[in-house]
Amino acid sequence: MLHVTALDAIGLAGVLAMLIAYALTVAGRLDPLRPPALLMNLFGSLAVLLSLTAAFNLSAAVIETAWALIALIGLGRWLVMAR
């Protein structure tokens, strides 16, 4: 039987957020340079990173950290351009 912990559920929610953002971007329904997509990716990567506190995986931690930093840079750039 599959046992899903709270951290598993948080990580899965993060994966879902990133997949939805990617699918909507590919479908042309979401601009990857605007806050909704950037926030979905930031939330997703941070949620996966949080889930890794239960079962650490270095390669997953590296990619999710990079994903979060890229989203933060994109949000910062958007804020500067919006002024």
N, C-alpha and C. Protein backbone atom coordinates (compact mmCIF):
# COMPACT_ATOMS: atom_id res chain seq x y z
N MET A 1 0.84 -1.18 0.00
CA MET A 1 0.00 0.00 0.00
C MET A 1 0.88 1.25 0.00
N LEU A 2 0.48 2.24 -0.76
CA LEU A 2 1.22 3.49 -0.88
C LEU A 2 0.90 4.39 0.31
N HIS A 3 1.96 4.87 0.96
CA HIS A 3 1.79 5.78 2.09
C HIS A 3 2.30 7.16 1.67
N VAL A 4 1.40 8.12 1.56
CA VAL A 4 1.75 9.48 1.15
C VAL A 4 1.77 10.37 2.38
N THR A 5 2.93 10.94 2.66
CA THR A 5 3.07 11.84 3.80
C THR A 5 2.67 13.26 3.40
N ALA A 6 2.59 14.13 4.38
CA ALA A 6 2.30 15.54 4.09
C ALA A 6 3.37 16.14 3.19
N LEU A 7 4.63 15.79 3.44
CA LEU A 7 5.71 16.32 2.60
C LEU A 7 5.62 15.76 1.17
N ASP A 8 5.20 14.51 1.03
CA ASP A 8 4.97 13.96 -0.30
C ASP A 8 3.89 14.76 -1.03
N ALA A 9 2.81 15.07 -0.32
CA ALA A 9 1.71 15.82 -0.93
C ALA A 9 2.15 17.22 -1.33
N ILE A 10 2.97 17.85 -0.51
CA ILE A 10 3.50 19.18 -0.83
C ILE A 10 4.37 19.10 -2.09
N GLY A 11 5.24 18.10 -2.13
CA GLY A 11 6.09 17.92 -3.30
C GLY A 11 5.29 17.65 -4.56
N LEU A 12 4.26 16.82 -4.46
CA LEU A 12 3.41 16.53 -5.61
C LEU A 12 2.66 17.78 -6.07
N ALA A 13 2.22 18.60 -5.13
CA ALA A 13 1.55 19.86 -5.50
C ALA A 13 2.53 20.76 -6.25
N GLY A 14 3.78 20.77 -5.82
CA GLY A 14 4.80 21.55 -6.51
C GLY A 14 5.05 21.05 -7.93
N VAL A 15 5.15 19.75 -8.07
CA VAL A 15 5.34 19.16 -9.40
C VAL A 15 4.15 19.52 -10.29
N LEU A 16 2.95 19.41 -9.75
CA LEU A 16 1.75 19.74 -10.52
C LEU A 16 1.76 21.20 -10.96
N ALA A 17 2.15 22.10 -10.07
CA ALA A 17 2.21 23.53 -10.41
C ALA A 17 3.19 23.77 -11.56
N MET A 18 4.35 23.14 -11.50
CA MET A 18 5.34 23.33 -12.56
C MET A 18 4.88 22.72 -13.88
N LEU A 19 4.24 21.56 -13.82
CA LEU A 19 3.75 20.93 -15.04
C LEU A 19 2.62 21.74 -15.67
N ILE A 20 1.73 22.27 -14.85
CA ILE A 20 0.65 23.10 -15.39
C ILE A 20 1.22 24.36 -16.03
N ALA A 21 2.18 25.00 -15.35
CA ALA A 21 2.81 26.20 -15.91
C ALA A 21 3.46 25.88 -17.26
N TYR A 22 4.16 24.77 -17.33
CA TYR A 22 4.83 24.39 -18.58
C TYR A 22 3.81 24.09 -19.67
N ALA A 23 2.78 23.32 -19.35
CA ALA A 23 1.77 22.96 -20.34
C ALA A 23 1.05 24.20 -20.87
N LEU A 24 0.70 25.12 -19.98
CA LEU A 24 0.02 26.34 -20.41
C LEU A 24 0.94 27.24 -21.23
N THR A 25 2.22 27.23 -20.92
CA THR A 25 3.18 28.00 -21.71
C THR A 25 3.31 27.42 -23.11
N VAL A 26 3.46 26.11 -23.20
CA VAL A 26 3.58 25.45 -24.51
C VAL A 26 2.30 25.65 -25.33
N ALA A 27 1.16 25.67 -24.66
CA ALA A 27 -0.12 25.86 -25.35
C ALA A 27 -0.35 27.32 -25.74
N GLY A 28 0.55 28.21 -25.32
CA GLY A 28 0.39 29.61 -25.65
C GLY A 28 -0.62 30.34 -24.78
N ARG A 29 -0.99 29.75 -23.67
CA ARG A 29 -2.00 30.34 -22.78
C ARG A 29 -1.39 31.10 -21.60
N LEU A 30 -0.07 30.97 -21.41
CA LEU A 30 0.59 31.59 -20.27
C LEU A 30 1.93 32.15 -20.74
N ASP A 31 2.18 33.41 -20.44
CA ASP A 31 3.44 34.05 -20.80
C ASP A 31 4.50 33.66 -19.77
N PRO A 32 5.58 32.98 -20.18
CA PRO A 32 6.58 32.52 -19.22
C PRO A 32 7.38 33.64 -18.57
N LEU A 33 7.24 34.87 -19.07
CA LEU A 33 7.99 35.99 -18.51
C LEU A 33 7.15 36.85 -17.58
N ARG A 34 5.91 36.45 -17.32
CA ARG A 34 5.02 37.22 -16.47
C ARG A 34 4.86 36.53 -15.11
N PRO A 35 4.46 37.28 -14.10
CA PRO A 35 4.37 36.73 -12.74
C PRO A 35 3.58 35.44 -12.57
N PRO A 36 2.43 35.24 -13.20
CA PRO A 36 1.72 33.97 -12.94
C PRO A 36 2.58 32.73 -13.21
N ALA A 37 3.24 32.69 -14.34
CA ALA A 37 4.08 31.54 -14.67
C ALA A 37 5.29 31.47 -13.75
N LEU A 38 5.90 32.61 -13.50
CA LEU A 38 7.09 32.65 -12.64
C LEU A 38 6.75 32.22 -11.21
N LEU A 39 5.60 32.68 -10.71
CA LEU A 39 5.19 32.30 -9.35
C LEU A 39 4.83 30.82 -9.26
N MET A 40 4.19 30.30 -10.29
CA MET A 40 3.88 28.86 -10.29
C MET A 40 5.16 28.04 -10.25
N ASN A 41 6.16 28.46 -11.03
CA ASN A 41 7.42 27.74 -11.03
C ASN A 41 8.17 27.91 -9.71
N LEU A 42 8.13 29.10 -9.14
CA LEU A 42 8.79 29.33 -7.85
C LEU A 42 8.13 28.49 -6.76
N PHE A 43 6.79 28.55 -6.68
CA PHE A 43 6.08 27.74 -5.70
C PHE A 43 6.41 26.26 -5.89
N GLY A 44 6.36 25.81 -7.13
CA GLY A 44 6.60 24.40 -7.42
C GLY A 44 7.97 23.95 -6.98
N SER A 45 8.98 24.72 -7.33
CA SER A 45 10.34 24.32 -6.97
C SER A 45 10.56 24.36 -5.46
N LEU A 46 10.00 25.36 -4.80
CA LEU A 46 10.16 25.42 -3.34
C LEU A 46 9.42 24.29 -2.65
N ALA A 47 8.26 23.92 -3.18
CA ALA A 47 7.50 22.80 -2.61
C ALA A 47 8.26 21.49 -2.76
N VAL A 48 8.85 21.28 -3.93
CA VAL A 48 9.65 20.05 -4.12
C VAL A 48 10.86 20.07 -3.20
N LEU A 49 11.52 21.22 -3.08
CA LEU A 49 12.66 21.32 -2.16
C LEU A 49 12.24 20.99 -0.73
N LEU A 50 11.09 21.49 -0.31
CA LEU A 50 10.59 21.18 1.03
C LEU A 50 10.37 19.68 1.18
N SER A 51 9.81 19.05 0.16
CA SER A 51 9.57 17.60 0.24
C SER A 51 10.87 16.81 0.34
N LEU A 52 11.95 17.38 -0.18
CA LEU A 52 13.24 16.69 -0.13
C LEU A 52 13.84 16.65 1.27
N THR A 53 13.26 17.40 2.20
CA THR A 53 13.78 17.34 3.57
C THR A 53 13.51 15.98 4.20
N ALA A 54 12.52 15.27 3.67
CA ALA A 54 12.21 13.93 4.19
C ALA A 54 13.09 12.86 3.57
N ALA A 55 13.38 13.01 2.29
CA ALA A 55 14.20 12.02 1.57
C ALA A 55 15.07 12.79 0.59
N PHE A 56 16.24 13.20 1.06
CA PHE A 56 17.12 14.06 0.26
C PHE A 56 17.65 13.36 -0.97
N ASN A 57 17.68 14.11 -2.07
CA ASN A 57 18.25 13.65 -3.33
C ASN A 57 19.02 14.83 -3.90
N LEU A 58 20.33 14.70 -4.02
CA LEU A 58 21.17 15.83 -4.42
C LEU A 58 20.80 16.36 -5.80
N SER A 59 20.62 15.50 -6.78
CA SER A 59 20.33 16.00 -8.12
C SER A 59 18.99 16.73 -8.16
N ALA A 60 18.00 16.24 -7.44
CA ALA A 60 16.70 16.92 -7.38
C ALA A 60 16.85 18.27 -6.67
N ALA A 61 17.64 18.31 -5.60
CA ALA A 61 17.86 19.56 -4.88
C ALA A 61 18.55 20.60 -5.76
N VAL A 62 19.51 20.17 -6.56
CA VAL A 62 20.23 21.10 -7.44
C VAL A 62 19.29 21.68 -8.49
N ILE A 63 18.52 20.82 -9.17
CA ILE A 63 17.63 21.32 -10.23
C ILE A 63 16.53 22.21 -9.66
N GLU A 64 15.99 21.87 -8.51
CA GLU A 64 14.92 22.69 -7.93
C GLU A 64 15.45 24.01 -7.40
N THR A 65 16.67 24.02 -6.87
CA THR A 65 17.29 25.28 -6.44
C THR A 65 17.51 26.19 -7.64
N ALA A 66 18.03 25.63 -8.72
CA ALA A 66 18.24 26.41 -9.95
C ALA A 66 16.91 26.93 -10.48
N TRP A 67 15.88 26.09 -10.46
CA TRP A 67 14.55 26.47 -10.95
C TRP A 67 14.01 27.64 -10.13
N ALA A 68 14.18 27.58 -8.81
CA ALA A 68 13.70 28.66 -7.94
C ALA A 68 14.48 29.95 -8.19
N LEU A 69 15.79 29.85 -8.35
CA LEU A 69 16.60 31.04 -8.61
C LEU A 69 16.23 31.68 -9.94
N ILE A 70 16.01 30.87 -10.96
CA ILE A 70 15.61 31.39 -12.27
C ILE A 70 14.26 32.11 -12.15
N ALA A 71 13.33 31.53 -11.44
CA ALA A 71 12.02 32.17 -11.26
C ALA A 71 12.17 33.49 -10.50
N LEU A 72 13.01 33.50 -9.47
CA LEU A 72 13.24 34.74 -8.72
C LEU A 72 13.88 35.82 -9.58
N ILE A 73 14.84 35.44 -10.40
CA ILE A 73 15.47 36.39 -11.32
C ILE A 73 14.44 36.94 -12.29
N GLY A 74 13.60 36.06 -12.81
CA GLY A 74 12.54 36.50 -13.73
C GLY A 74 11.58 37.46 -13.06
N LEU A 75 11.20 37.18 -11.81
CA LEU A 75 10.31 38.08 -11.08
C LEU A 75 10.97 39.42 -10.82
N GLY A 76 12.25 39.39 -10.46
CA GLY A 76 12.99 40.64 -10.25
C GLY A 76 13.07 41.45 -11.53
N ARG A 77 13.34 40.79 -12.62
CA ARG A 77 13.41 41.48 -13.91
C ARG A 77 12.05 42.09 -14.27
N TRP A 78 10.99 41.33 -14.02
CA TRP A 78 9.65 41.84 -14.32
C TRP A 78 9.35 43.08 -13.47
N LEU A 79 9.73 43.04 -12.20
CA LEU A 79 9.51 44.20 -11.33
C LEU A 79 10.25 45.44 -11.83
N VAL A 80 11.48 45.26 -12.25
CA VAL A 80 12.27 46.39 -12.77
C VAL A 80 11.65 46.93 -14.05
N MET A 81 11.23 46.03 -14.94
CA MET A 81 10.66 46.46 -16.22
C MET A 81 9.28 47.10 -16.04
N ALA A 82 8.57 46.72 -14.97
CA ALA A 82 7.22 47.25 -14.75
C ALA A 82 7.24 48.69 -14.24
N ARG A 83 8.37 49.13 -13.79
CA ARG A 83 8.47 50.51 -13.26
C ARG A 83 8.60 51.52 -14.33
